[in-house]
C-alpha cells in the first residue's frame, strides 16, 4: 500500500485531488501545513507528497527548510503546484532538491494522476479482455495470429496467446478498446519483457511493452486506463 500526503490549507483541494489520485493501492492523508505534513511523515513515512502552493497558505521556504533536514538521497518525492507566474522562481528555490517537481496551476487531472503514478511506481492499468491481432515483423503482412488481452496499461499489456515468444521478441499488436471513442484499431509495436506459463492449459501470458504507437493512439490508451 502506497501512502500519499495531500497538503493544503484549502479542504476542497484535498477532496478534489484525493478523488483524482486515490486508487486501489494508494492511501491518502491530509495535512494543513508543511510542518504538519513532515510531522506525520516522521511518524508514518509517506511515499509522495502533493502540495498546494497556489493560495499563499504554504510557503516554499518552509518546505525548503524541511527538505534540508532530510538525509541526502532519502527525500520523499513532492509535487508542488504553483501559480504559473511563480513557477520559474520556485524552480530556483528547489534547484538543490531534485525530488521536488514544480508544476504550474492549473494542472489537469490526467497529468496529475500520471505523474503521481510514475513517482509512486504504479502503472495505470485496466483489466479488460479484448481480441488482439498479432503480426510478426519477419512474416508476410497478410499472416496474422490472434490472442487476448488480460489487462492494459498506458505502457503495455498482458497478452494471452498460444504462440511461443521469448523476452526481447518484437511484434505488432492491433486491438480495439471498449468505450474509447470511435471504433478504430490501435496499432502498437511491442516487445516481450516477460513470459509466464500457467500450470494448466496451452496458452502463455506475456508481458509486453509498447515501443511505438501514434500519439493519438497513445492518448486513447491513456484515457481508457484512467
Protein backbone atom coordinates (compact mmCIF):
# COMPACT_ATOMS: atom_id res chain seq x y z
CA UNK A 1 0.00 0.00 0.00
CA UNK A 2 1.44 3.38 -1.06
CA UNK A 3 0.97 6.38 1.26
CA UNK A 4 0.20 9.81 -0.19
CA UNK A 5 0.09 13.12 1.68
CA UNK A 6 -2.02 15.95 0.23
CA UNK A 7 -1.02 19.28 1.78
CA UNK A 8 -3.24 22.36 1.50
CA UNK A 9 -4.94 25.00 3.62
CA UNK A 10 -7.97 24.51 1.36
CA UNK A 11 -10.07 21.48 2.35
CA UNK A 12 -11.68 21.44 -1.11
CA UNK A 13 -8.25 20.94 -2.63
CA UNK A 14 -7.75 17.75 -0.60
CA UNK A 15 -11.12 16.34 -1.61
CA UNK A 16 -10.60 17.20 -5.29
CA UNK A 17 -7.06 15.77 -5.53
CA UNK A 18 -7.90 12.72 -3.44
CA UNK A 19 -10.68 11.87 -5.90
CA UNK A 20 -8.19 12.25 -8.76
CA UNK A 21 -5.24 10.32 -7.33
CA UNK A 22 -6.75 7.89 -4.87
CA UNK A 23 -6.83 4.48 -6.49
CA UNK A 24 -6.65 0.94 -5.22
CA UNK A 25 -3.29 0.54 -3.51
CA UNK A 26 -3.00 4.23 -2.51
CA UNK A 27 -3.90 5.58 0.93
CA UNK A 28 -4.26 9.39 1.11
CA UNK A 29 -3.65 11.55 4.20
CA UNK A 30 -4.45 15.27 4.65
CA UNK A 31 -2.26 18.00 6.15
CA UNK A 32 -2.93 21.71 6.54
CA UNK A 33 0.70 22.87 6.69
CA UNK A 34 4.23 21.87 5.75
CA UNK A 35 5.06 21.37 9.44
CA UNK A 36 2.08 19.06 9.95
CA UNK A 37 2.98 17.12 6.82
CA UNK A 38 6.55 16.45 7.93
CA UNK A 39 5.48 15.73 11.50
CA UNK A 40 3.18 12.98 10.18
CA UNK A 41 5.87 11.88 7.72
CA UNK A 42 8.29 11.44 10.63
CA UNK A 43 5.89 9.05 12.35
CA UNK A 44 4.44 7.39 9.24
CA UNK A 45 6.72 7.77 6.19
CA UNK A 46 4.96 8.92 3.02
CA UNK A 47 5.77 7.74 -0.49
CA UNK A 48 4.65 11.00 -2.13
CA UNK A 49 3.51 14.49 -1.12
CA UNK A 50 1.28 16.77 -3.22
CA UNK A 51 1.37 20.40 -2.06
CA UNK A 52 -0.90 23.28 -2.99
CA UNK A 53 1.24 26.39 -3.27
CA UNK A 54 -1.33 28.49 -5.12
CA UNK A 55 -3.10 30.34 -2.30
CA UNK A 56 -0.23 31.58 -0.14
CA UNK A 57 -1.00 29.22 2.71
CA UNK A 58 2.05 27.05 2.09
CA UNK A 59 5.41 28.78 1.96
CA UNK A 60 8.02 27.32 -0.36
CA UNK A 61 10.70 28.49 2.11
CA UNK A 62 9.19 26.27 4.81
CA UNK A 63 9.31 23.25 2.52
CA UNK A 64 12.88 24.10 1.55
CA UNK A 65 13.94 24.17 5.21
CA UNK A 66 12.34 20.83 5.97
CA UNK A 67 13.98 19.28 2.90
CA UNK A 68 17.40 20.44 4.13
CA UNK A 69 16.88 18.28 7.22
CA UNK A 70 16.33 15.16 5.11
CA UNK A 71 19.25 12.82 4.63
CA UNK A 72 20.79 13.02 1.16
CA UNK A 73 19.11 10.61 -1.25
CA UNK A 74 16.19 9.89 1.08
CA UNK A 75 13.87 12.80 0.30
CA UNK A 76 10.26 11.84 -0.41
CA UNK A 77 9.11 12.93 -3.89
CA UNK A 78 6.96 16.06 -3.77
CA UNK A 79 4.69 17.59 -6.41
CA UNK A 80 4.50 21.33 -5.68
CA UNK A 81 1.62 23.01 -7.55
CA UNK A 82 2.47 26.68 -8.11
CA UNK A 83 0.98 29.72 -9.78
CA UNK A 84 2.35 29.96 -13.29
CA UNK A 85 3.94 33.36 -12.69
CA UNK A 86 5.92 31.93 -9.74
CA UNK A 87 6.98 28.70 -11.45
CA UNK A 88 10.42 29.89 -12.57
CA UNK A 89 11.29 31.42 -9.20
CA UNK A 90 10.25 28.27 -7.35
CA UNK A 91 12.34 26.07 -9.61
CA UNK A 92 15.30 28.15 -8.44
CA UNK A 93 14.26 27.76 -4.81
CA UNK A 94 14.17 23.97 -5.13
CA UNK A 95 17.13 23.57 -7.50
CA UNK A 96 19.09 21.65 -4.85
CA UNK A 97 16.17 19.25 -4.28
CA UNK A 98 15.58 17.09 -7.38
CA UNK A 99 12.81 15.24 -5.53
CA UNK A 100 10.58 18.35 -5.81
CA UNK A 101 8.59 18.65 -9.04
CA UNK A 102 7.21 22.16 -9.56
CA UNK A 103 4.16 22.11 -11.84
CA UNK A 104 2.10 25.16 -12.87
CA UNK A 105 -1.54 25.68 -11.92
CA UNK A 106 -3.99 24.73 -13.32
CA UNK A 107 -2.86 21.10 -13.56
CA UNK A 108 -5.06 18.63 -15.41
CA UNK A 109 -6.37 15.62 -13.50
CA UNK A 110 -4.91 13.34 -16.14
CA UNK A 111 -1.39 14.77 -15.83
CA UNK A 112 -1.51 14.79 -12.03
CA UNK A 113 -2.59 11.14 -11.98
CA UNK A 114 0.09 10.08 -14.47
CA UNK A 115 2.86 11.98 -12.64
CA UNK A 116 1.74 10.64 -9.26
CA UNK A 117 1.64 7.07 -10.52
CA UNK A 118 5.08 7.48 -12.08
CA UNK A 119 6.58 8.77 -8.84
CA UNK A 120 4.84 6.05 -6.85
CA UNK A 121 5.93 3.36 -9.27
CA UNK A 122 2.33 2.45 -10.14
CA UNK A 123 1.23 1.78 -13.71
CA UNK A 124 -2.24 2.84 -14.73
CA UNK A 125 -3.81 -0.48 -15.67
CA UNK A 126 -7.30 -1.62 -16.55
CA UNK A 127 -8.40 -5.23 -16.62
CA UNK A 128 -10.09 -5.83 -19.96
CA UNK A 129 -10.32 -8.83 -22.29
CA UNK A 130 -10.29 -7.89 -25.97
CA UNK A 131 -9.27 -9.74 -29.11
CA UNK A 132 -5.72 -8.86 -30.20
CA UNK A 133 -4.26 -9.28 -33.67
CA UNK A 134 -0.59 -10.32 -33.59
CA UNK A 135 1.71 -9.69 -36.54
CA UNK A 136 5.33 -10.80 -36.64
CA UNK A 137 7.67 -8.36 -38.48
CA UNK A 138 9.53 -11.14 -40.34
CA UNK A 139 6.36 -12.80 -41.62
CA UNK A 140 4.21 -11.83 -44.60
CA UNK A 141 1.95 -8.84 -43.99
CA UNK A 142 -1.10 -10.98 -44.70
CA UNK A 143 -0.23 -13.51 -41.98
CA UNK A 144 -1.99 -12.67 -38.70
CA UNK A 145 -2.21 -14.52 -35.39
CA UNK A 146 -4.58 -13.85 -32.52
CA UNK A 147 -4.63 -13.65 -28.75
CA UNK A 148 -6.46 -11.84 -25.96
CA UNK A 149 -5.50 -9.06 -23.58
CA UNK A 150 -5.84 -9.68 -19.85
CA UNK A 151 -5.07 -6.12 -18.81
CA UNK A 152 -3.93 -2.91 -20.50
CA UNK A 153 -1.90 0.00 -19.15
CA UNK A 154 -0.52 3.13 -20.78
CA UNK A 155 2.84 1.38 -21.16
CA UNK A 156 1.84 -2.13 -22.26
CA UNK A 157 -0.46 -5.11 -21.79
CA UNK A 158 -0.62 -8.66 -20.54
CA UNK A 159 -1.17 -10.78 -23.64
CA UNK A 160 -2.64 -14.29 -23.64
CA UNK A 161 -1.86 -16.46 -26.65
CA UNK A 162 -0.89 -19.99 -27.71
CA UNK A 163 2.03 -18.60 -29.71
CA UNK A 164 5.59 -19.05 -28.44
CA UNK A 165 7.69 -15.93 -27.76
CA UNK A 166 10.86 -15.14 -25.87
CA UNK A 167 11.70 -11.95 -23.94
CA UNK A 168 13.10 -9.49 -26.46
CA UNK A 169 10.87 -10.64 -29.33
CA UNK A 170 9.03 -7.84 -31.12
CA UNK A 171 5.57 -7.83 -32.68
CA UNK A 172 2.83 -5.53 -33.95
CA UNK A 173 -0.38 -5.70 -31.92
CA UNK A 174 -3.74 -4.46 -33.18
CA UNK A 175 -6.69 -4.09 -30.81
CA UNK A 176 -9.78 -2.00 -30.10
CA UNK A 177 -10.66 -0.75 -26.62
CA UNK A 178 -14.27 -0.58 -25.41
CA UNK A 179 -15.65 2.87 -24.64
CA UNK A 180 -12.59 4.63 -26.11
CA UNK A 181 -14.35 6.84 -28.61
CA UNK A 182 -14.50 5.93 -32.29
CA UNK A 183 -14.18 2.23 -33.11
CA UNK A 184 -10.68 2.48 -34.53
CA UNK A 185 -7.97 -0.16 -34.41
CA UNK A 186 -4.98 0.76 -32.24
CA UNK A 187 -1.67 -0.46 -33.66
CA UNK A 188 1.38 -0.72 -31.43
CA UNK A 189 4.89 -2.03 -31.94
CA UNK A 190 5.71 -4.07 -28.82
CA UNK A 191 8.47 -6.06 -27.19
CA UNK A 192 8.06 -9.06 -24.90
CA UNK A 193 9.51 -8.35 -21.45
CA UNK A 194 8.40 -11.48 -19.58
CA UNK A 195 6.59 -14.77 -20.10
CA UNK A 196 4.55 -16.88 -17.69
CA UNK A 197 3.12 -20.30 -18.48
CA UNK A 198 0.04 -21.18 -16.38
CA UNK A 199 0.04 -24.54 -14.60
CA UNK A 200 -2.70 -25.85 -16.90
CA UNK A 201 -3.74 -25.06 -20.47
CA UNK A 202 -1.95 -24.32 -23.73
CA UNK A 203 -1.79 -20.51 -23.54
CA UNK A 204 1.07 -18.40 -22.22
CA UNK A 205 0.83 -14.96 -20.63
CA UNK A 206 3.28 -12.39 -21.98
CA UNK A 207 4.01 -9.01 -20.50
CA UNK A 208 4.58 -6.73 -23.49
CA UNK A 209 5.82 -3.14 -23.52
CA UNK A 210 4.56 -0.60 -26.08
CA UNK A 211 7.57 0.61 -28.05
CA UNK A 212 5.84 2.77 -30.61
CA UNK A 213 2.33 3.93 -31.48
CA UNK A 214 0.80 7.08 -32.88
CA UNK A 215 0.32 10.00 -30.45
CA UNK A 216 -3.46 9.79 -30.89
CA UNK A 217 -3.50 6.05 -30.10
CA UNK A 218 -1.30 6.59 -27.05
CA UNK A 219 -3.70 9.27 -25.84
CA UNK A 220 -6.68 6.94 -26.30
CA UNK A 221 -4.97 4.18 -24.30
CA UNK A 222 -4.06 6.63 -21.51
CA UNK A 223 -7.64 7.97 -21.38
CA UNK A 224 -9.02 4.43 -21.25
CA UNK A 225 -6.73 3.46 -18.35
CA UNK A 226 -7.57 6.46 -16.16
